[in-house]
Amino acid sequence: MYGQMIVTNQANFNPSLKMYTLDRVLNKLETNALPFVNKLEVFIKLSFIPIDVPVEIQIVIKDDNQKDITKSETITQYNPRSNDQISGLDFCVRLTTIFCKTGNHMIELFVDGALISIYPIHVRMVEEIYEQKEIAYEEQTSSFS
């Protein structure tokens, strides 16, 4: 079994086309204050899953100390694909998470209790971005002096 995740701010399913459209793919989140609440949509693609057996799926988000900060409900899914296709499924999990600290966070995908995929996402304060830009600007202007 193989699994992949993409974290986005919005995923839309078109039932007539039977396909998802993802908006912005997220690698970082920026905030003005901590803690902050953020809604994420985790697009999941599983391949080579059992054909006639349900799989139990769960998403866990951990902070940089490996502390669980969000856990989804366990979701039961089945292979919806026809026999001429490789078994698998695509779906989206919507999570509301409270981030209490900056740094790297890991979004983990578990299928039947086994870790299948990890997606890193970085949380940073907006002030940190401005400070970095100011330092870079000061370094650039001092080199002209």
C-alpha atoms as a PDB file:
ATOM      1  CA  MET A   1       0.000   0.000   0.000  1.00  0.00           C
ATOM      2  CA  TYR A   2       1.183   3.507  -0.813  1.00  0.00           C
ATOM      3  CA  GLY A   3      -0.123   6.811   0.480  1.00  0.00           C
ATOM      4  CA  GLN A   4       0.418  10.463  -0.306  1.00  0.00           C
ATOM      5  CA  MET A   5      -0.897  13.676   1.211  1.00  0.00           C
ATOM      6  CA  ILE A   6      -1.141  17.248   0.032  1.00  0.00           C
ATOM      7  CA  VAL A   7      -2.202  19.948   2.479  1.00  0.00           C
ATOM      8  CA  THR A   8      -4.267  22.751   1.012  1.00  0.00           C
ATOM      9  CA  ASN A   9      -6.459  25.575   2.146  1.00  0.00           C
ATOM     10  CA  GLN A  10      -9.320  24.175   0.048  1.00  0.00           C
ATOM     11  CA  ALA A  11     -10.095  21.008  -1.892  1.00  0.00           C
ATOM     12  CA  ASN A  12     -13.245  20.738  -3.991  1.00  0.00           C
ATOM     13  CA  PHE A  13     -14.761  17.541  -5.333  1.00  0.00           C
ATOM     14  CA  ASN A  14     -16.619  17.657  -8.634  1.00  0.00           C
ATOM     15  CA  PRO A  15     -19.021  14.692  -8.574  1.00  0.00           C
ATOM     16  CA  SER A  16     -19.816  14.852 -12.301  1.00  0.00           C
ATOM     17  CA  LEU A  17     -16.115  14.676 -13.238  1.00  0.00           C
ATOM     18  CA  LYS A  18     -15.260  12.485 -10.227  1.00  0.00           C
ATOM     19  CA  MET A  19     -12.150  14.520  -9.479  1.00  0.00           C
ATOM     20  CA  TYR A  20     -10.697  16.928  -6.924  1.00  0.00           C
ATOM     21  CA  THR A  21      -9.422  20.430  -7.542  1.00  0.00           C
ATOM     22  CA  LEU A  22      -6.943  21.782  -4.992  1.00  0.00           C
ATOM     23  CA  ASP A  23      -6.528  25.495  -4.294  1.00  0.00           C
ATOM     24  CA  ARG A  24      -3.274  26.618  -2.606  1.00  0.00           C
ATOM     25  CA  VAL A  25      -0.844  23.891  -1.580  1.00  0.00           C
ATOM     26  CA  LEU A  26       0.484  24.789   1.869  1.00  0.00           C
ATOM     27  CA  ASN A  27       4.044  24.323   3.073  1.00  0.00           C
ATOM     28  CA  LYS A  28       3.919  27.037   5.712  1.00  0.00           C
ATOM     29  CA  LEU A  29       1.399  28.890   7.838  1.00  0.00           C
ATOM     30  CA  GLU A  30       1.898  32.467   8.993  1.00  0.00           C
ATOM     31  CA  THR A  31       0.273  34.073  12.000  1.00  0.00           C
ATOM     32  CA  ASN A  32       0.318  37.330  13.955  1.00  0.00           C
ATOM     33  CA  ALA A  33      -0.336  35.705  17.331  1.00  0.00           C
ATOM     34  CA  LEU A  34      -0.157  32.409  19.152  1.00  0.00           C
ATOM     35  CA  PRO A  35      -2.124  30.310  19.707  1.00  0.00           C
ATOM     36  CA  PHE A  36      -4.061  30.468  16.450  1.00  0.00           C
ATOM     37  CA  VAL A  37      -6.725  28.321  14.852  1.00  0.00           C
ATOM     38  CA  ASN A  38      -6.304  27.156  11.281  1.00  0.00           C
ATOM     39  CA  LYS A  39      -8.496  25.057   9.027  1.00  0.00           C
ATOM     40  CA  LEU A  40      -6.588  22.659   6.803  1.00  0.00           C
ATOM     41  CA  GLU A  41      -7.762  20.269   4.153  1.00  0.00           C
ATOM     42  CA  VAL A  42      -5.611  17.180   3.725  1.00  0.00           C
ATOM     43  CA  PHE A  43      -5.985  15.527   0.322  1.00  0.00           C
ATOM     44  CA  ILE A  44      -5.126  11.836   0.590  1.00  0.00           C
ATOM     45  CA  LYS A  45      -4.350   9.412  -2.212  1.00  0.00           C
ATOM     46  CA  LEU A  46      -3.982   5.712  -1.407  1.00  0.00           C
ATOM     47  CA  SER A  47      -2.952   3.056  -3.931  1.00  0.00           C
ATOM     48  CA  PHE A  48      -2.848  -0.742  -3.808  1.00  0.00           C
ATOM     49  CA  ILE A  49      -5.301  -0.971  -0.922  1.00  0.00           C
ATOM     50  CA  PRO A  50      -7.195  -4.204  -0.197  1.00  0.00           C
ATOM     51  CA  ILE A  51     -10.057  -4.608  -2.671  1.00  0.00           C
ATOM     52  CA  ASP A  52     -12.866  -6.007  -0.509  1.00  0.00           C
ATOM     53  CA  VAL A  53     -11.633  -5.005   2.936  1.00  0.00           C
ATOM     54  CA  PRO A  54     -12.192  -1.636   4.643  1.00  0.00           C
ATOM     55  CA  VAL A  55      -9.172   0.445   5.644  1.00  0.00           C
ATOM     56  CA  GLU A  56      -9.079   2.588   8.776  1.00  0.00           C
ATOM     57  CA  ILE A  57      -7.507   6.017   8.202  1.00  0.00           C
ATOM     58  CA  GLN A  58      -6.415   8.651  10.709  1.00  0.00           C
ATOM     59  CA  ILE A  59      -4.509  11.935  10.458  1.00  0.00           C
ATOM     60  CA  VAL A  60      -2.335  13.129  13.363  1.00  0.00           C
ATOM     61  CA  ILE A  61      -0.636  16.527  13.549  1.00  0.00           C
ATOM     62  CA  LYS A  62       2.413  16.790  15.826  1.00  0.00           C
ATOM     63  CA  ASP A  63       4.482  19.769  16.930  1.00  0.00           C
ATOM     64  CA  ASP A  64       8.284  19.885  16.798  1.00  0.00           C
ATOM     65  CA  ASN A  65       8.461  17.999  20.143  1.00  0.00           C
ATOM     66  CA  GLN A  66       6.442  15.117  18.654  1.00  0.00           C
ATOM     67  CA  LYS A  67       3.454  16.066  20.827  1.00  0.00           C
ATOM     68  CA  ASP A  68       0.060  15.328  19.269  1.00  0.00           C
ATOM     69  CA  ILE A  69      -1.862  18.560  18.747  1.00  0.00           C
ATOM     70  CA  THR A  70      -4.694  17.251  16.535  1.00  0.00           C
ATOM     71  CA  LYS A  71      -6.097  13.818  15.717  1.00  0.00           C
ATOM     72  CA  SER A  72      -8.837  13.180  13.221  1.00  0.00           C
ATOM     73  CA  GLU A  73     -11.565  10.678  13.847  1.00  0.00           C
ATOM     74  CA  THR A  74     -10.799   7.246  12.444  1.00  0.00           C
ATOM     75  CA  ILE A  75     -12.309   7.138   8.959  1.00  0.00           C
ATOM     76  CA  THR A  76     -13.349   3.873   7.315  1.00  0.00           C
ATOM     77  CA  GLN A  77     -12.946   3.769   3.533  1.00  0.00           C
ATOM     78  CA  TYR A  78     -13.265   1.137   0.807  1.00  0.00           C
ATOM     79  CA  ASN A  79     -11.772   0.785  -2.651  1.00  0.00           C
ATOM     80  CA  PRO A  80     -14.281   2.491  -5.007  1.00  0.00           C
ATOM     81  CA  ARG A  81     -12.405   1.714  -8.228  1.00  0.00           C
ATOM     82  CA  SER A  82     -13.424  -0.731 -10.932  1.00  0.00           C
ATOM     83  CA  ASN A  83     -11.617  -4.043 -11.453  1.00  0.00           C
ATOM     84  CA  ASP A  84      -9.619  -2.727 -14.430  1.00  0.00           C
ATOM     85  CA  GLN A  85      -7.955  -0.062 -12.250  1.00  0.00           C
ATOM     86  CA  ILE A  86      -5.338  -0.349  -9.530  1.00  0.00           C
ATOM     87  CA  SER A  87      -7.163  -0.377  -6.213  1.00  0.00           C
ATOM     88  CA  GLY A  88      -7.055   2.842  -4.243  1.00  0.00           C
ATOM     89  CA  LEU A  89      -8.962   5.945  -3.306  1.00  0.00           C
ATOM     90  CA  ASP A  90      -8.746   9.716  -3.192  1.00  0.00           C
ATOM     91  CA  PHE A  91     -10.470  11.767  -0.511  1.00  0.00           C
ATOM     92  CA  CYS A  92     -10.107  14.798   1.684  1.00  0.00           C
ATOM     93  CA  VAL A  93     -10.036  15.251   5.464  1.00  0.00           C
ATOM     94  CA  ARG A  94     -10.876  18.669   6.885  1.00  0.00           C
ATOM     95  CA  LEU A  95      -9.155  19.517  10.170  1.00  0.00           C
ATOM     96  CA  THR A  96      -9.353  22.481  12.493  1.00  0.00           C
ATOM     97  CA  THR A  97      -6.109  22.752  14.442  1.00  0.00           C
ATOM     98  CA  ILE A  98      -4.927  24.993  17.248  1.00  0.00           C
ATOM     99  CA  PHE A  99      -1.240  25.789  16.745  1.00  0.00           C
ATOM    100  CA  CYS A 100       0.403  26.933  19.997  1.00  0.00           C
ATOM    101  CA  LYS A 101       3.987  27.332  18.831  1.00  0.00           C
ATOM    102  CA  THR A 102       6.077  28.148  15.809  1.00  0.00           C
ATOM    103  CA  GLY A 103       8.375  25.689  14.088  1.00  0.00           C
ATOM    104  CA  ASN A 104       8.064  22.560  12.028  1.00  0.00           C
ATOM    105  CA  HIS A 105       4.974  20.426  12.483  1.00  0.00           C
ATOM    106  CA  MET A 106       4.373  16.992  10.984  1.00  0.00           C
ATOM    107  CA  ILE A 107       1.111  15.774   9.537  1.00  0.00           C
ATOM    108  CA  GLU A 108       1.072  11.990   9.711  1.00  0.00           C
ATOM    109  CA  LEU A 109      -1.167   9.611   7.768  1.00  0.00           C
ATOM    110  CA  PHE A 110      -1.991   6.286   9.424  1.00  0.00           C
ATOM    111  CA  VAL A 111      -3.738   3.442   7.612  1.00  0.00           C
ATOM    112  CA  ASP A 112      -4.801   0.472   9.726  1.00  0.00           C
ATOM    113  CA  GLY A 113      -2.527   1.810  12.477  1.00  0.00           C
ATOM    114  CA  ALA A 114       0.603   1.930  10.292  1.00  0.00           C
ATOM    115  CA  LEU A 115       2.348   5.200   9.433  1.00  0.00           C
ATOM    116  CA  ILE A 116       2.088   5.565   5.645  1.00  0.00           C
ATOM    117  CA  SER A 117       3.109   9.177   4.933  1.00  0.00           C
ATOM    118  CA  ILE A 118       4.444  12.346   6.609  1.00  0.00           C
ATOM    119  CA  TYR A 119       3.867  15.906   5.391  1.00  0.00           C
ATOM    120  CA  PRO A 120       5.864  18.732   7.018  1.00  0.00           C
ATOM    121  CA  ILE A 121       4.364  22.165   7.518  1.00  0.00           C
ATOM    122  CA  HIS A 122       6.118  25.158   9.071  1.00  0.00           C
ATOM    123  CA  VAL A 123       4.399  27.661  11.371  1.00  0.00           C
ATOM    124  CA  ARG A 124       5.993  31.091  11.682  1.00  0.00           C
ATOM    125  CA  MET A 125       5.160  34.461  13.135  1.00  0.00           C
ATOM    126  CA  VAL A 126       4.710  37.254  10.606  1.00  0.00           C
ATOM    127  CA  GLU A 127       7.125  39.419  12.647  1.00  0.00           C
ATOM    128  CA  GLU A 128       9.883  36.857  11.987  1.00  0.00           C
ATOM    129  CA  ILE A 129       9.435  37.392   8.245  1.00  0.00           C
ATOM    130  CA  TYR A 130       9.700  41.161   8.570  1.00  0.00           C
ATOM    131  CA  GLU A 131      12.779  40.863  10.799  1.00  0.00           C
ATOM    132  CA  GLN A 132      14.483  38.597   8.258  1.00  0.00           C
ATOM    133  CA  LYS A 133      13.700  41.036   5.447  1.00  0.00           C
ATOM    134  CA  GLU A 134      15.012  43.977   7.502  1.00  0.00           C
ATOM    135  CA  ILE A 135      18.273  42.147   8.270  1.00  0.00           C
ATOM    136  CA  ALA A 136      18.726  41.222   4.603  1.00  0.00           C
ATOM    137  CA  TYR A 137      17.991  44.830   3.576  1.00  0.00           C
ATOM    138  CA  GLU A 138      20.457  46.210   6.157  1.00  0.00           C
ATOM    139  CA  GLU A 139      23.145  43.768   5.002  1.00  0.00           C
ATOM    140  CA  GLN A 140      22.543  44.709   1.387  1.00  0.00           C
ATOM    141  CA  THR A 141      22.653  48.477   2.007  1.00  0.00           C
ATOM    142  CA  SER A 142      25.741  48.228   4.247  1.00  0.00           C
ATOM    143  CA  SER A 143      27.634  46.476   1.469  1.00  0.00           C
ATOM    144  CA  PHE A 144      27.077  49.542  -0.742  1.00  0.00           C
ATOM    145  CA  SER A 145      28.637  51.902   1.814  1.00  0.00           C
END
